[in-house]
């Protein structure tokens, strides 16, 4: 039963995007060890800007 709740909690965190920063850290450290990593705040601001600073219309 505990494993079920753990899996559900993980799934909800994935849907909410809470694990994106952790994935970014792992990926950035393995690929770009010399680059400065973004803070969690910088990362989420970057994600929001990437999502909303483009044309979001059909026509």
PDB file of N, CA and C in Angstrom:
ATOM      1  N   UNK A   1       0.826  -1.187   0.000  1.00  0.00           N
ATOM      2  CA  UNK A   1       0.000   0.000   0.000  1.00  0.00           C
ATOM      3  C   UNK A   1       0.874   1.256   0.000  1.00  0.00           C
ATOM      4  N   UNK A   2       1.984   1.220   0.751  1.00  0.00           N
ATOM      5  CA  UNK A   2       2.881   2.362   0.814  1.00  0.00           C
ATOM      6  C   UNK A   2       3.498   2.641  -0.564  1.00  0.00           C
ATOM      7  N   UNK A   3       3.833   1.582  -1.279  1.00  0.00           N
ATOM      8  CA  UNK A   3       4.418   1.729  -2.611  1.00  0.00           C
ATOM      9  C   UNK A   3       3.406   2.357  -3.578  1.00  0.00           C
ATOM     10  N   UNK A   4       2.155   2.007  -3.442  1.00  0.00           N
ATOM     11  CA  UNK A   4       1.098   2.567  -4.282  1.00  0.00           C
ATOM     12  C   UNK A   4       1.003   4.078  -4.076  1.00  0.00           C
ATOM     13  N   UNK A   5       0.989   4.524  -2.818  1.00  0.00           N
ATOM     14  CA  UNK A   5       0.923   5.952  -2.534  1.00  0.00           C
ATOM     15  C   UNK A   5       2.170   6.680  -3.033  1.00  0.00           C
ATOM     16  N   UNK A   6       3.307   6.037  -2.898  1.00  0.00           N
ATOM     17  CA  UNK A   6       4.547   6.629  -3.380  1.00  0.00           C
ATOM     18  C   UNK A   6       4.485   6.816  -4.896  1.00  0.00           C
ATOM     19  N   UNK A   7       3.987   5.823  -5.607  1.00  0.00           N
ATOM     20  CA  UNK A   7       3.865   5.922  -7.061  1.00  0.00           C
ATOM     21  C   UNK A   7       2.848   6.974  -7.477  1.00  0.00           C
ATOM     22  N   UNK A   8       1.748   7.068  -6.760  1.00  0.00           N
ATOM     23  CA  UNK A   8       0.731   8.081  -7.067  1.00  0.00           C
ATOM     24  C   UNK A   8       1.307   9.472  -6.820  1.00  0.00           C
ATOM     25  N   UNK A   9       2.019   9.647  -5.717  1.00  0.00           N
ATOM     26  CA  UNK A   9       2.632  10.933  -5.390  1.00  0.00           C
ATOM     27  C   UNK A   9       3.642  11.322  -6.471  1.00  0.00           C
ATOM     28  N   UNK A  10       4.447  10.374  -6.918  1.00  0.00           N
ATOM     29  CA  UNK A  10       5.426  10.636  -7.976  1.00  0.00           C
ATOM     30  C   UNK A  10       4.717  11.060  -9.265  1.00  0.00           C
ATOM     31  N   UNK A  11       3.639  10.378  -9.613  1.00  0.00           N
ATOM     32  CA  UNK A  11       2.871  10.687 -10.819  1.00  0.00           C
ATOM     33  C   UNK A  11       2.290  12.100 -10.748  1.00  0.00           C
ATOM     34  N   UNK A  12       1.748  12.466  -9.606  1.00  0.00           N
ATOM     35  CA  UNK A  12       1.172  13.813  -9.438  1.00  0.00           C
ATOM     36  C   UNK A  12       2.265  14.869  -9.547  1.00  0.00           C
ATOM     37  N   UNK A  13       3.434  14.600  -8.976  1.00  0.00           N
ATOM     38  CA  UNK A  13       4.545  15.540  -9.082  1.00  0.00           C
ATOM     39  C   UNK A  13       4.986  15.690 -10.534  1.00  0.00           C
ATOM     40  N   UNK A  14       4.968  14.615 -11.288  1.00  0.00           N
ATOM     41  CA  UNK A  14       5.308  14.685 -12.707  1.00  0.00           C
ATOM     42  C   UNK A  14       4.304  15.545 -13.460  1.00  0.00           C
ATOM     43  N   UNK A  15       3.032  15.352 -13.187  1.00  0.00           N
ATOM     44  CA  UNK A  15       2.001  16.143 -13.855  1.00  0.00           C
ATOM     45  C   UNK A  15       2.120  17.624 -13.517  1.00  0.00           C
ATOM     46  N   UNK A  16       2.460  17.924 -12.288  1.00  0.00           N
ATOM     47  CA  UNK A  16       2.564  19.309 -11.840  1.00  0.00           C
ATOM     48  C   UNK A  16       3.878  19.963 -12.289  1.00  0.00           C
ATOM     49  N   UNK A  17       4.828  19.170 -12.744  1.00  0.00           N
ATOM     50  CA  UNK A  17       6.097  19.714 -13.208  1.00  0.00           C
ATOM     51  C   UNK A  17       7.130  19.919 -12.125  1.00  0.00           C
ATOM     52  N   UNK A  18       6.913  19.360 -10.963  1.00  0.00           N
ATOM     53  CA  UNK A  18       7.849  19.562  -9.854  1.00  0.00           C
ATOM     54  C   UNK A  18       9.170  18.828 -10.056  1.00  0.00           C
ATOM     55  N   UNK A  19       9.194  17.815 -10.883  1.00  0.00           N
ATOM     56  CA  UNK A  19      10.420  17.049 -11.102  1.00  0.00           C
ATOM     57  C   UNK A  19      11.260  17.583 -12.252  1.00  0.00           C
ATOM     58  N   UNK A  20      10.796  18.606 -12.939  1.00  0.00           N
ATOM     59  CA  UNK A  20      11.518  19.134 -14.091  1.00  0.00           C
ATOM     60  C   UNK A  20      12.877  19.700 -13.704  1.00  0.00           C
ATOM     61  N   UNK A  21      12.931  20.392 -12.600  1.00  0.00           N
ATOM     62  CA  UNK A  21      14.198  20.985 -12.186  1.00  0.00           C
ATOM     63  C   UNK A  21      15.218  19.905 -11.835  1.00  0.00           C
ATOM     64  N   UNK A  22      14.778  18.858 -11.167  1.00  0.00           N
ATOM     65  CA  UNK A  22      15.696  17.762 -10.823  1.00  0.00           C
ATOM     66  C   UNK A  22      16.247  17.101 -12.081  1.00  0.00           C
ATOM     67  N   UNK A  23      15.390  16.925 -13.080  1.00  0.00           N
ATOM     68  CA  UNK A  23      15.837  16.351 -14.349  1.00  0.00           C
ATOM     69  C   UNK A  23      16.815  17.290 -15.050  1.00  0.00           C
ATOM     70  N   UNK A  24      16.533  18.582 -14.991  1.00  0.00           N
ATOM     71  CA  UNK A  24      17.438  19.573 -15.580  1.00  0.00           C
ATOM     72  C   UNK A  24      18.819  19.472 -14.943  1.00  0.00           C
ATOM     73  N   UNK A  25      18.869  19.393 -13.612  1.00  0.00           N
ATOM     74  CA  UNK A  25      20.155  19.315 -12.920  1.00  0.00           C
ATOM     75  C   UNK A  25      20.951  18.090 -13.347  1.00  0.00           C
ATOM     76  N   UNK A  26      20.308  16.947 -13.373  1.00  0.00           N
ATOM     77  CA  UNK A  26      20.996  15.712 -13.774  1.00  0.00           C
ATOM     78  C   UNK A  26      21.516  15.814 -15.200  1.00  0.00           C
ATOM     79  N   UNK A  27      20.678  16.297 -16.089  1.00  0.00           N
ATOM     80  CA  UNK A  27      21.060  16.405 -17.491  1.00  0.00           C
ATOM     81  C   UNK A  27      22.167  17.434 -17.689  1.00  0.00           C
ATOM     82  N   UNK A  28      22.026  18.586 -17.079  1.00  0.00           N
ATOM     83  CA  UNK A  28      23.012  19.653 -17.247  1.00  0.00           C
ATOM     84  C   UNK A  28      24.368  19.263 -16.666  1.00  0.00           C
ATOM     85  N   UNK A  29      24.371  18.577 -15.555  1.00  0.00           N
ATOM     86  CA  UNK A  29      25.637  18.164 -14.949  1.00  0.00           C
ATOM     87  C   UNK A  29      26.339  17.110 -15.795  1.00  0.00           C
ATOM     88  N   UNK A  30      25.577  16.235 -16.421  1.00  0.00           N
ATOM     89  CA  UNK A  30      26.203  15.195 -17.224  1.00  0.00           C
ATOM     90  C   UNK A  30      26.666  15.707 -18.584  1.00  0.00           C
ATOM     91  N   UNK A  31      25.939  16.649 -19.169  1.00  0.00           N
ATOM     92  CA  UNK A  31      26.274  17.146 -20.503  1.00  0.00           C
ATOM     93  C   UNK A  31      27.179  18.370 -20.480  1.00  0.00           C
ATOM     94  N   UNK A  32      26.906  19.282 -19.584  1.00  0.00           N
ATOM     95  CA  UNK A  32      27.580  20.578 -19.590  1.00  0.00           C
ATOM     96  C   UNK A  32      28.187  20.860 -18.225  1.00  0.00           C
ATOM     97  N   UNK A  33      29.171  20.094 -17.860  1.00  0.00           N
ATOM     98  CA  UNK A  33      29.749  20.214 -16.522  1.00  0.00           C
ATOM     99  C   UNK A  33      30.390  21.578 -16.287  1.00  0.00           C
ATOM    100  N   UNK A  34      30.838  22.248 -17.344  1.00  0.00           N
ATOM    101  CA  UNK A  34      31.515  23.531 -17.154  1.00  0.00           C
ATOM    102  C   UNK A  34      30.557  24.718 -17.107  1.00  0.00           C
ATOM    103  N   UNK A  35      29.313  24.541 -17.519  1.00  0.00           N
ATOM    104  CA  UNK A  35      28.354  25.641 -17.515  1.00  0.00           C
ATOM    105  C   UNK A  35      27.804  25.892 -16.113  1.00  0.00           C
ATOM    106  N   UNK A  36      27.460  27.156 -15.869  1.00  0.00           N
ATOM    107  CA  UNK A  36      26.846  27.516 -14.592  1.00  0.00           C
ATOM    108  C   UNK A  36      25.395  27.038 -14.612  1.00  0.00           C
ATOM    109  N   UNK A  37      24.995  26.352 -13.572  1.00  0.00           N
ATOM    110  CA  UNK A  37      23.626  25.859 -13.489  1.00  0.00           C
ATOM    111  C   UNK A  37      22.691  26.956 -13.010  1.00  0.00           C
ATOM    112  N   UNK A  38      21.474  26.931 -13.525  1.00  0.00           N
ATOM    113  CA  UNK A  38      20.466  27.884 -13.078  1.00  0.00           C
ATOM    114  C   UNK A  38      19.972  27.494 -11.695  1.00  0.00           C
ATOM    115  N   UNK A  39      19.595  28.492 -10.924  1.00  0.00           N
ATOM    116  CA  UNK A  39      18.939  28.203  -9.656  1.00  0.00           C
ATOM    117  C   UNK A  39      17.531  27.711  -9.974  1.00  0.00           C
ATOM    118  N   UNK A  40      16.862  27.190  -8.979  1.00  0.00           N
ATOM    119  CA  UNK A  40      15.511  26.695  -9.201  1.00  0.00           C
ATOM    120  C   UNK A  40      14.590  27.837  -9.644  1.00  0.00           C
ATOM    121  N   UNK A  41      14.757  28.997  -9.035  1.00  0.00           N
ATOM    122  CA  UNK A  41      13.944  30.155  -9.410  1.00  0.00           C
ATOM    123  C   UNK A  41      14.225  30.565 -10.855  1.00  0.00           C
ATOM    124  N   UNK A  42      15.496  30.642 -11.232  1.00  0.00           N
ATOM    125  CA  UNK A  42      15.862  30.999 -12.608  1.00  0.00           C
ATOM    126  C   UNK A  42      15.305  29.980 -13.602  1.00  0.00           C
ATOM    127  N   UNK A  43      15.363  28.717 -13.235  1.00  0.00           N
ATOM    128  CA  UNK A  43      14.874  27.659 -14.110  1.00  0.00           C
ATOM    129  C   UNK A  43      13.377  27.816 -14.385  1.00  0.00           C
ATOM    130  N   UNK A  44      12.594  28.040 -13.336  1.00  0.00           N
ATOM    131  CA  UNK A  44      11.152  28.155 -13.525  1.00  0.00           C
ATOM    132  C   UNK A  44      10.779  29.441 -14.253  1.00  0.00           C
ATOM    133  N   UNK A  45      11.513  30.525 -14.020  1.00  0.00           N
ATOM    134  CA  UNK A  45      11.270  31.750 -14.775  1.00  0.00           C
ATOM    135  C   UNK A  45      11.574  31.505 -16.257  1.00  0.00           C
ATOM    136  N   UNK A  46      12.667  30.817 -16.530  1.00  0.00           N
ATOM    137  CA  UNK A  46      13.020  30.476 -17.916  1.00  0.00           C
ATOM    138  C   UNK A  46      11.928  29.630 -18.568  1.00  0.00           C
ATOM    139  N   UNK A  47      11.406  28.656 -17.837  1.00  0.00           N
ATOM    140  CA  UNK A  47      10.346  27.796 -18.380  1.00  0.00           C
ATOM    141  C   UNK A  47       9.085  28.600 -18.684  1.00  0.00           C
ATOM    142  N   UNK A  48       8.729  29.501 -17.793  1.00  0.00           N
ATOM    143  CA  UNK A  48       7.527  30.319 -18.010  1.00  0.00           C
ATOM    144  C   UNK A  48       7.726  31.233 -19.205  1.00  0.00           C
ATOM    145  N   UNK A  49       8.889  31.867 -19.305  1.00  0.00           N
ATOM    146  CA  UNK A  49       9.161  32.748 -20.438  1.00  0.00           C
ATOM    147  C   UNK A  49       9.173  31.981 -21.750  1.00  0.00           C
ATOM    148  N   UNK A  50       9.746  30.790 -21.738  1.00  0.00           N
ATOM    149  CA  UNK A  50       9.785  29.966 -22.949  1.00  0.00           C
ATOM    150  C   UNK A  50       8.373  29.591 -23.401  1.00  0.00           C
ATOM    151  N   UNK A  51       7.514  29.350 -22.444  1.00  0.00           N
ATOM    152  CA  UNK A  51       6.143  28.952 -22.769  1.00  0.00           C
ATOM    153  C   UNK A  51       5.306  30.124 -23.277  1.00  0.00           C
ATOM    154  N   UNK A  52       5.455  31.287 -22.670  1.00  0.00           N
ATOM    155  CA  UNK A  52       4.539  32.389 -22.951  1.00  0.00           C
ATOM    156  C   UNK A  52       5.100  33.475 -23.849  1.00  0.00           C
ATOM    157  N   UNK A  53       6.382  33.474 -24.154  1.00  0.00           N
ATOM    158  CA  UNK A  53       6.949  34.518 -25.012  1.00  0.00           C
ATOM    159  C   UNK A  53       7.019  34.079 -26.474  1.00  0.00           C
ATOM    160  N   UNK A  54       5.941  33.547 -26.950  1.00  0.00           N
ATOM    161  CA  UNK A  54       5.842  33.190 -28.358  1.00  0.00           C
ATOM    162  C   UNK A  54       4.408  33.461 -28.802  1.00  0.00           C
ATOM    163  N   UNK A  55       4.185  33.357 -30.067  1.00  0.00           N
ATOM    164  CA  UNK A  55       2.840  33.593 -30.587  1.00  0.00           C
ATOM    165  C   UNK A  55       1.955  32.411 -30.172  1.00  0.00           C
ATOM    166  N   UNK A  56       0.905  32.694 -29.431  1.00  0.00           N
ATOM    167  CA  UNK A  56       0.001  31.656 -28.932  1.00  0.00           C
ATOM    168  C   UNK A  56      -1.393  31.828 -29.520  1.00  0.00           C
ATOM    169  N   UNK A  57      -1.458  31.817 -30.803  1.00  0.00           N
ATOM    170  CA  UNK A  57      -2.764  31.924 -31.443  1.00  0.00           C
ATOM    171  C   UNK A  57      -2.782  31.053 -32.695  1.00  0.00           C
ATOM    172  N   UNK A  58      -3.956  30.809 -33.176  1.00  0.00           N
ATOM    173  CA  UNK A  58      -4.077  29.917 -34.321  1.00  0.00           C
ATOM    174  C   UNK A  58      -3.941  30.646 -35.645  1.00  0.00           C
ATOM    175  N   UNK A  59      -4.243  31.923 -35.705  1.00  0.00           N
ATOM    176  CA  UNK A  59      -4.285  32.618 -37.002  1.00  0.00           C
ATOM    177  C   UNK A  59      -3.345  33.805 -37.062  1.00  0.00           C
TER     178      UNK A  59
END
